[in-house]
PDB file of N, CA and C in Angstrom:
ATOM      1  N   UNK A   1     -29.439  -3.589 -34.081  1.00  0.00           N
ATOM      2  CA  UNK A   1     -28.846  -2.653 -33.179  1.00  0.00           C
ATOM      3  C   UNK A   1     -28.954  -1.357 -33.498  1.00  0.00           C
ATOM      4  N   UNK A   2     -29.166  -0.459 -32.680  1.00  0.00           N
ATOM      5  CA  UNK A   2     -29.339   1.085 -33.027  1.00  0.00           C
ATOM      6  C   UNK A   2     -28.371   1.767 -32.375  1.00  0.00           C
ATOM      7  N   UNK A   3     -27.323   2.580 -32.524  1.00  0.00           N
ATOM      8  CA  UNK A   3     -26.375   3.534 -31.680  1.00  0.00           C
ATOM      9  C   UNK A   3     -27.248   4.653 -31.483  1.00  0.00           C
ATOM     10  N   UNK A   4     -27.282   4.742 -29.941  1.00  0.00           N
ATOM     11  CA  UNK A   4     -28.391   6.055 -29.690  1.00  0.00           C
ATOM     12  C   UNK A   4     -27.370   7.207 -29.271  1.00  0.00           C
ATOM     13  N   UNK A   5     -26.100   6.961 -29.248  1.00  0.00           N
ATOM     14  CA  UNK A   5     -25.101   8.072 -28.773  1.00  0.00           C
ATOM     15  C   UNK A   5     -23.809   7.533 -28.936  1.00  0.00           C
ATOM     16  N   UNK A   6     -22.746   8.326 -28.603  1.00  0.00           N
ATOM     17  CA  UNK A   6     -21.459   7.791 -28.966  1.00  0.00           C
ATOM     18  C   UNK A   6     -21.048   6.860 -27.581  1.00  0.00           C
ATOM     19  N   UNK A   7     -21.866   6.704 -26.523  1.00  0.00           N
ATOM     20  CA  UNK A   7     -21.431   5.652 -25.496  1.00  0.00           C
ATOM     21  C   UNK A   7     -22.482   4.567 -25.360  1.00  0.00           C
ATOM     22  N   UNK A   8     -23.487   4.454 -26.338  1.00  0.00           N
ATOM     23  CA  UNK A   8     -24.655   3.690 -26.127  1.00  0.00           C
ATOM     24  C   UNK A   8     -25.357   3.172 -27.027  1.00  0.00           C
ATOM     25  N   UNK A   9     -26.082   1.842 -27.269  1.00  0.00           N
ATOM     26  CA  UNK A   9     -26.574   1.409 -28.198  1.00  0.00           C
ATOM     27  C   UNK A   9     -27.726   0.178 -27.613  1.00  0.00           C
ATOM     28  N   UNK A  10     -28.824   0.131 -28.358  1.00  0.00           N
ATOM     29  CA  UNK A  10     -29.657  -0.853 -28.148  1.00  0.00           C
ATOM     30  C   UNK A  10     -29.733  -2.186 -29.129  1.00  0.00           C
ATOM     31  N   UNK A  11     -29.940  -3.267 -28.603  1.00  0.00           N
ATOM     32  CA  UNK A  11     -29.952  -4.283 -29.361  1.00  0.00           C
ATOM     33  C   UNK A  11     -31.565  -5.208 -29.182  1.00  0.00           C
ATOM     34  N   UNK A  12     -31.787  -5.436 -30.222  1.00  0.00           N
ATOM     35  CA  UNK A  12     -33.264  -6.318 -29.984  1.00  0.00           C
ATOM     36  C   UNK A  12     -33.489  -7.500 -31.112  1.00  0.00           C
ATOM     37  N   UNK A  13     -33.134  -8.445 -30.461  1.00  0.00           N
ATOM     38  CA  UNK A  13     -33.147  -9.750 -31.290  1.00  0.00           C
ATOM     39  C   UNK A  13     -34.821 -10.534 -31.512  1.00  0.00           C
ATOM     40  N   UNK A  14     -35.673  -9.516 -31.488  1.00  0.00           N
ATOM     41  CA  UNK A  14     -37.023 -10.273 -31.541  1.00  0.00           C
ATOM     42  C   UNK A  14     -37.496 -10.431 -30.287  1.00  0.00           C
ATOM     43  N   UNK A  15     -39.106 -10.705 -30.116  1.00  0.00           N
ATOM     44  CA  UNK A  15     -39.354 -10.993 -28.813  1.00  0.00           C
ATOM     45  C   UNK A  15     -39.562  -9.888 -28.104  1.00  0.00           C
ATOM     46  N   UNK A  16     -39.702  -9.576 -26.800  1.00  0.00           N
ATOM     47  CA  UNK A  16     -40.200  -8.614 -25.930  1.00  0.00           C
ATOM     48  C   UNK A  16     -39.061  -7.927 -25.224  1.00  0.00           C
ATOM     49  N   UNK A  17     -37.821  -8.419 -25.358  1.00  0.00           N
ATOM     50  CA  UNK A  17     -36.669  -7.988 -24.665  1.00  0.00           C
ATOM     51  C   UNK A  17     -35.773  -7.027 -25.627  1.00  0.00           C
ATOM     52  N   UNK A  18     -35.212  -6.022 -24.914  1.00  0.00           N
ATOM     53  CA  UNK A  18     -34.257  -4.985 -25.495  1.00  0.00           C
ATOM     54  C   UNK A  18     -33.263  -5.009 -24.324  1.00  0.00           C
ATOM     55  N   UNK A  19     -31.955  -5.228 -25.392  1.00  0.00           N
ATOM     56  CA  UNK A  19     -30.664  -5.212 -24.354  1.00  0.00           C
ATOM     57  C   UNK A  19     -30.182  -3.520 -24.510  1.00  0.00           C
ATOM     58  N   UNK A  20     -29.977  -2.881 -23.638  1.00  0.00           N
ATOM     59  CA  UNK A  20     -29.216  -1.190 -23.792  1.00  0.00           C
ATOM     60  C   UNK A  20     -27.785  -1.395 -23.073  1.00  0.00           C
ATOM     61  N   UNK A  21     -27.019  -1.236 -24.010  1.00  0.00           N
ATOM     62  CA  UNK A  21     -25.359  -1.286 -23.214  1.00  0.00           C
ATOM     63  C   UNK A  21     -24.993   0.099 -23.413  1.00  0.00           C
ATOM     64  N   UNK A  22     -24.376   0.651 -22.155  1.00  0.00           N
ATOM     65  CA  UNK A  22     -24.014   2.047 -21.750  1.00  0.00           C
ATOM     66  C   UNK A  22     -22.508   1.933 -21.668  1.00  0.00           C
ATOM     67  N   UNK A  23     -21.733   2.512 -22.118  1.00  0.00           N
ATOM     68  CA  UNK A  23     -20.045   2.536 -21.596  1.00  0.00           C
ATOM     69  C   UNK A  23     -20.060   3.496 -20.177  1.00  0.00           C
ATOM     70  N   UNK A  24     -19.399   2.839 -19.380  1.00  0.00           N
ATOM     71  CA  UNK A  24     -19.039   3.768 -17.929  1.00  0.00           C
ATOM     72  C   UNK A  24     -17.571   4.125 -18.107  1.00  0.00           C
ATOM     73  N   UNK A  25     -17.656   5.248 -18.512  1.00  0.00           N
ATOM     74  CA  UNK A  25     -15.992   5.665 -18.228  1.00  0.00           C
ATOM     75  C   UNK A  25     -15.474   6.002 -17.131  1.00  0.00           C
ATOM     76  N   UNK A  26     -14.410   5.853 -16.811  1.00  0.00           N
ATOM     77  CA  UNK A  26     -13.764   6.063 -15.422  1.00  0.00           C
ATOM     78  C   UNK A  26     -14.204   5.184 -14.552  1.00  0.00           C
ATOM     79  N   UNK A  27     -14.488   4.292 -15.020  1.00  0.00           N
ATOM     80  CA  UNK A  27     -14.958   3.064 -13.778  1.00  0.00           C
ATOM     81  C   UNK A  27     -13.934   2.626 -13.070  1.00  0.00           C
ATOM     82  N   UNK A  28     -13.732   2.446 -11.864  1.00  0.00           N
ATOM     83  CA  UNK A  28     -12.739   2.029 -11.035  1.00  0.00           C
ATOM     84  C   UNK A  28     -13.004   0.625 -10.822  1.00  0.00           C
ATOM     85  N   UNK A  29     -14.048   0.201 -10.090  1.00  0.00           N
ATOM     86  CA  UNK A  29     -14.123  -0.914  -9.800  1.00  0.00           C
ATOM     87  C   UNK A  29     -14.526  -2.274 -10.791  1.00  0.00           C
ATOM     88  N   UNK A  30     -14.364  -3.479 -10.680  1.00  0.00           N
ATOM     89  CA  UNK A  30     -14.658  -4.336 -11.673  1.00  0.00           C
ATOM     90  C   UNK A  30     -16.215  -4.752 -11.281  1.00  0.00           C
ATOM     91  N   UNK A  31     -16.839  -4.910 -12.205  1.00  0.00           N
ATOM     92  CA  UNK A  31     -18.338  -5.354 -12.479  1.00  0.00           C
ATOM     93  C   UNK A  31     -17.893  -6.878 -11.717  1.00  0.00           C
ATOM     94  N   UNK A  32     -19.162  -7.036 -10.699  1.00  0.00           N
ATOM     95  CA  UNK A  32     -19.464  -8.551 -10.283  1.00  0.00           C
ATOM     96  C   UNK A  32     -20.081  -9.359 -11.111  1.00  0.00           C
ATOM     97  N   UNK A  33     -19.392 -10.597 -11.521  1.00  0.00           N
ATOM     98  CA  UNK A  33     -19.812 -11.584 -12.231  1.00  0.00           C
ATOM     99  C   UNK A  33     -21.328 -12.000 -11.893  1.00  0.00           C
ATOM    100  N   UNK A  34     -21.916 -11.371 -10.902  1.00  0.00           N
ATOM    101  CA  UNK A  34     -23.073 -11.634 -10.608  1.00  0.00           C
ATOM    102  C   UNK A  34     -24.057 -10.460 -11.278  1.00  0.00           C
ATOM    103  N   UNK A  35     -23.543  -9.484 -11.868  1.00  0.00           N
ATOM    104  CA  UNK A  35     -24.468  -8.736 -12.628  1.00  0.00           C
ATOM    105  C   UNK A  35     -24.063  -8.856 -14.079  1.00  0.00           C
ATOM    106  N   UNK A  36     -24.771  -9.806 -14.713  1.00  0.00           N
ATOM    107  CA  UNK A  36     -25.047 -10.232 -16.033  1.00  0.00           C
ATOM    108  C   UNK A  36     -25.948 -10.376 -16.758  1.00  0.00           C
ATOM    109  N   UNK A  37     -25.971 -10.527 -17.997  1.00  0.00           N
ATOM    110  CA  UNK A  37     -27.194 -11.112 -18.672  1.00  0.00           C
ATOM    111  C   UNK A  37     -26.713 -12.318 -19.431  1.00  0.00           C
ATOM    112  N   UNK A  38     -27.766 -13.342 -19.520  1.00  0.00           N
ATOM    113  CA  UNK A  38     -27.618 -14.514 -19.980  1.00  0.00           C
ATOM    114  C   UNK A  38     -28.594 -14.592 -21.335  1.00  0.00           C
ATOM    115  N   UNK A  39     -28.082 -15.318 -22.443  1.00  0.00           N
ATOM    116  CA  UNK A  39     -29.004 -15.176 -23.715  1.00  0.00           C
ATOM    117  C   UNK A  39     -28.746 -16.774 -23.803  1.00  0.00           C
ATOM    118  N   UNK A  40     -29.973 -17.485 -24.061  1.00  0.00           N
ATOM    119  CA  UNK A  40     -30.436 -18.912 -24.686  1.00  0.00           C
ATOM    120  C   UNK A  40     -29.918 -18.926 -25.960  1.00  0.00           C
ATOM    121  N   UNK A  41     -29.293 -20.140 -26.350  1.00  0.00           N
ATOM    122  CA  UNK A  41     -28.765 -20.568 -27.569  1.00  0.00           C
ATOM    123  C   UNK A  41     -29.034 -22.000 -27.812  1.00  0.00           C
ATOM    124  N   UNK A  42     -29.413 -22.353 -29.170  1.00  0.00           N
ATOM    125  CA  UNK A  42     -30.094 -23.747 -29.313  1.00  0.00           C
ATOM    126  C   UNK A  42     -29.020 -24.840 -29.372  1.00  0.00           C
ATOM    127  N   UNK A  43     -27.568 -24.539 -29.494  1.00  0.00           N
ATOM    128  CA  UNK A  43     -26.559 -25.733 -29.386  1.00  0.00           C
ATOM    129  C   UNK A  43     -25.235 -25.220 -28.592  1.00  0.00           C
ATOM    130  N   UNK A  44     -24.538 -26.034 -27.983  1.00  0.00           N
ATOM    131  CA  UNK A  44     -23.260 -25.829 -27.425  1.00  0.00           C
ATOM    132  C   UNK A  44     -22.241 -25.521 -28.152  1.00  0.00           C
ATOM    133  N   UNK A  45     -22.532 -25.861 -29.281  1.00  0.00           N
ATOM    134  CA  UNK A  45     -21.513 -25.316 -30.811  1.00  0.00           C
ATOM    135  C   UNK A  45     -21.829 -23.372 -30.878  1.00  0.00           C
ATOM    136  N   UNK A  46     -23.073 -23.216 -30.624  1.00  0.00           N
ATOM    137  CA  UNK A  46     -23.325 -21.937 -30.764  1.00  0.00           C
ATOM    138  C   UNK A  46     -22.487 -20.905 -29.523  1.00  0.00           C
ATOM    139  N   UNK A  47     -22.738 -21.600 -28.467  1.00  0.00           N
ATOM    140  CA  UNK A  47     -21.832 -20.974 -27.202  1.00  0.00           C
ATOM    141  C   UNK A  47     -20.596 -20.845 -27.240  1.00  0.00           C
ATOM    142  N   UNK A  48     -19.788 -22.235 -27.953  1.00  0.00           N
ATOM    143  CA  UNK A  48     -18.403 -21.925 -28.188  1.00  0.00           C
ATOM    144  C   UNK A  48     -18.090 -21.017 -29.133  1.00  0.00           C
ATOM    145  N   UNK A  49     -18.587 -21.011 -30.372  1.00  0.00           N
ATOM    146  CA  UNK A  49     -18.637 -19.834 -31.452  1.00  0.00           C
ATOM    147  C   UNK A  49     -18.329 -18.517 -30.559  1.00  0.00           C
ATOM    148  N   UNK A  50     -19.504 -18.229 -29.945  1.00  0.00           N
ATOM    149  CA  UNK A  50     -19.825 -16.937 -29.392  1.00  0.00           C
ATOM    150  C   UNK A  50     -18.654 -16.475 -28.371  1.00  0.00           C
ATOM    151  N   UNK A  51     -18.058 -17.720 -27.921  1.00  0.00           N
ATOM    152  CA  UNK A  51     -17.095 -17.352 -26.615  1.00  0.00           C
ATOM    153  C   UNK A  51     -15.891 -17.248 -27.459  1.00  0.00           C
ATOM    154  N   UNK A  52     -15.353 -18.046 -28.582  1.00  0.00           N
ATOM    155  CA  UNK A  52     -14.283 -17.675 -29.473  1.00  0.00           C
ATOM    156  C   UNK A  52     -14.438 -16.410 -29.922  1.00  0.00           C
ATOM    157  N   UNK A  53     -15.673 -15.882 -30.519  1.00  0.00           N
ATOM    158  CA  UNK A  53     -15.315 -14.585 -31.112  1.00  0.00           C
ATOM    159  C   UNK A  53     -15.079 -13.584 -30.090  1.00  0.00           C
ATOM    160  N   UNK A  54     -15.811 -13.689 -28.752  1.00  0.00           N
ATOM    161  CA  UNK A  54     -15.602 -12.519 -27.763  1.00  0.00           C
ATOM    162  C   UNK A  54     -14.182 -12.624 -27.359  1.00  0.00           C
ATOM    163  N   UNK A  55     -13.589 -13.865 -27.183  1.00  0.00           N
ATOM    164  CA  UNK A  55     -12.035 -13.376 -26.802  1.00  0.00           C
ATOM    165  C   UNK A  55     -11.287 -12.930 -27.959  1.00  0.00           C
ATOM    166  N   UNK A  56     -11.363 -13.274 -29.307  1.00  0.00           N
ATOM    167  CA  UNK A  56     -10.538 -12.924 -30.182  1.00  0.00           C
ATOM    168  C   UNK A  56     -11.039 -11.157 -30.501  1.00  0.00           C
ATOM    169  N   UNK A  57     -12.255 -10.746 -30.193  1.00  0.00           N
ATOM    170  CA  UNK A  57     -12.503  -9.256 -30.141  1.00  0.00           C
ATOM    171  C   UNK A  57     -12.339  -8.300 -28.870  1.00  0.00           C
ATOM    172  N   UNK A  58     -11.692  -9.085 -27.762  1.00  0.00           N
ATOM    173  CA  UNK A  58     -11.560  -8.716 -26.665  1.00  0.00           C
ATOM    174  C   UNK A  58     -10.806  -7.234 -26.651  1.00  0.00           C
ATOM    175  N   UNK A  59      -9.847  -7.189 -27.075  1.00  0.00           N
ATOM    176  CA  UNK A  59      -8.949  -6.007 -27.108  1.00  0.00           C
ATOM    177  C   UNK A  59     -10.062  -4.673 -27.933  1.00  0.00           C
ATOM    178  N   UNK A  60     -10.265  -5.338 -28.838  1.00  0.00           N
ATOM    179  CA  UNK A  60     -11.210  -4.100 -29.918  1.00  0.00           C
ATOM    180  C   UNK A  60     -12.250  -3.418 -28.754  1.00  0.00           C
ATOM    181  N   UNK A  61     -12.824  -4.369 -28.199  1.00  0.00           N
ATOM    182  CA  UNK A  61     -14.229  -3.627 -27.171  1.00  0.00           C
ATOM    183  C   UNK A  61     -13.690  -3.427 -25.904  1.00  0.00           C
ATOM    184  N   UNK A  62     -12.395  -3.404 -25.415  1.00  0.00           N
ATOM    185  CA  UNK A  62     -12.087  -2.970 -24.324  1.00  0.00           C
ATOM    186  C   UNK A  62     -12.518  -4.429 -22.966  1.00  0.00           C
ATOM    187  N   UNK A  63     -12.680  -5.632 -23.633  1.00  0.00           N
ATOM    188  CA  UNK A  63     -13.057  -6.610 -22.719  1.00  0.00           C
ATOM    189  C   UNK A  63     -11.709  -7.260 -22.051  1.00  0.00           C
ATOM    190  N   UNK A  64     -11.981  -7.471 -20.422  1.00  0.00           N
ATOM    191  CA  UNK A  64     -10.770  -7.917 -19.916  1.00  0.00           C
ATOM    192  C   UNK A  64     -11.011  -9.196 -19.213  1.00  0.00           C
ATOM    193  N   UNK A  65     -12.102  -9.944 -18.678  1.00  0.00           N
ATOM    194  CA  UNK A  65     -11.855 -11.133 -18.020  1.00  0.00           C
ATOM    195  C   UNK A  65     -12.900 -12.018 -18.476  1.00  0.00           C
ATOM    196  N   UNK A  66     -12.534 -13.180 -18.866  1.00  0.00           N
ATOM    197  CA  UNK A  66     -13.542 -14.451 -19.303  1.00  0.00           C
ATOM    198  C   UNK A  66     -13.371 -15.470 -18.456  1.00  0.00           C
ATOM    199  N   UNK A  67     -14.584 -16.271 -18.421  1.00  0.00           N
ATOM    200  CA  UNK A  67     -14.637 -17.254 -17.707  1.00  0.00           C
ATOM    201  C   UNK A  67     -15.177 -18.717 -18.741  1.00  0.00           C
ATOM    202  N   UNK A  68     -14.439 -19.559 -18.930  1.00  0.00           N
ATOM    203  CA  UNK A  68     -14.803 -20.354 -20.174  1.00  0.00           C
ATOM    204  C   UNK A  68     -16.417 -20.770 -19.946  1.00  0.00           C
ATOM    205  N   UNK A  69     -17.278 -20.961 -20.925  1.00  0.00           N
ATOM    206  CA  UNK A  69     -18.451 -21.463 -20.691  1.00  0.00           C
ATOM    207  C   UNK A  69     -18.720 -22.648 -20.155  1.00  0.00           C
ATOM    208  N   UNK A  70     -19.891 -23.006 -19.238  1.00  0.00           N
ATOM    209  CA  UNK A  70     -20.118 -24.187 -18.548  1.00  0.00           C
ATOM    210  C   UNK A  70     -21.808 -24.107 -18.500  1.00  0.00           C
ATOM    211  N   UNK A  71     -22.029 -25.277 -18.158  1.00  0.00           N
ATOM    212  CA  UNK A  71     -23.855 -25.478 -17.954  1.00  0.00           C
ATOM    213  C   UNK A  71     -24.095 -25.028 -16.590  1.00  0.00           C
ATOM    214  N   UNK A  72     -25.132 -24.179 -16.569  1.00  0.00           N
ATOM    215  CA  UNK A  72     -25.622 -23.799 -15.370  1.00  0.00           C
ATOM    216  C   UNK A  72     -27.115 -23.330 -15.411  1.00  0.00           C
ATOM    217  N   UNK A  73     -27.646 -23.240 -14.290  1.00  0.00           N
ATOM    218  CA  UNK A  73     -28.861 -23.022 -14.497  1.00  0.00           C
ATOM    219  C   UNK A  73     -29.950 -24.229 -14.866  1.00  0.00           C
ATOM    220  N   UNK A  74     -29.440 -25.246 -15.390  1.00  0.00           N
ATOM    221  CA  UNK A  74     -30.069 -26.305 -15.975  1.00  0.00           C
ATOM    222  C   UNK A  74     -30.563 -26.204 -17.231  1.00  0.00           C
ATOM    223  N   UNK A  75     -29.372 -24.964 -17.844  1.00  0.00           N
ATOM    224  CA  UNK A  75     -29.086 -24.947 -19.465  1.00  0.00           C
ATOM    225  C   UNK A  75     -28.179 -25.124 -19.818  1.00  0.00           C
TER     226      UNK A  75
END
């Protein structure tokens, strides 16, 4: 992870993909659930662990809405 500014950072976990996260201040509308990124993990346990961490850290990161994980897209 590399912090590029006070409102942005880059993540690269190997491979050819880089995720760029940029805070949008004063955003009025909620982001559509169709605008998302999916990450493949090896096991259902990893999914459940990531979900629990996300919910526990929600206030710290300003996260508001969660849906419980479920199998989709054949994975």
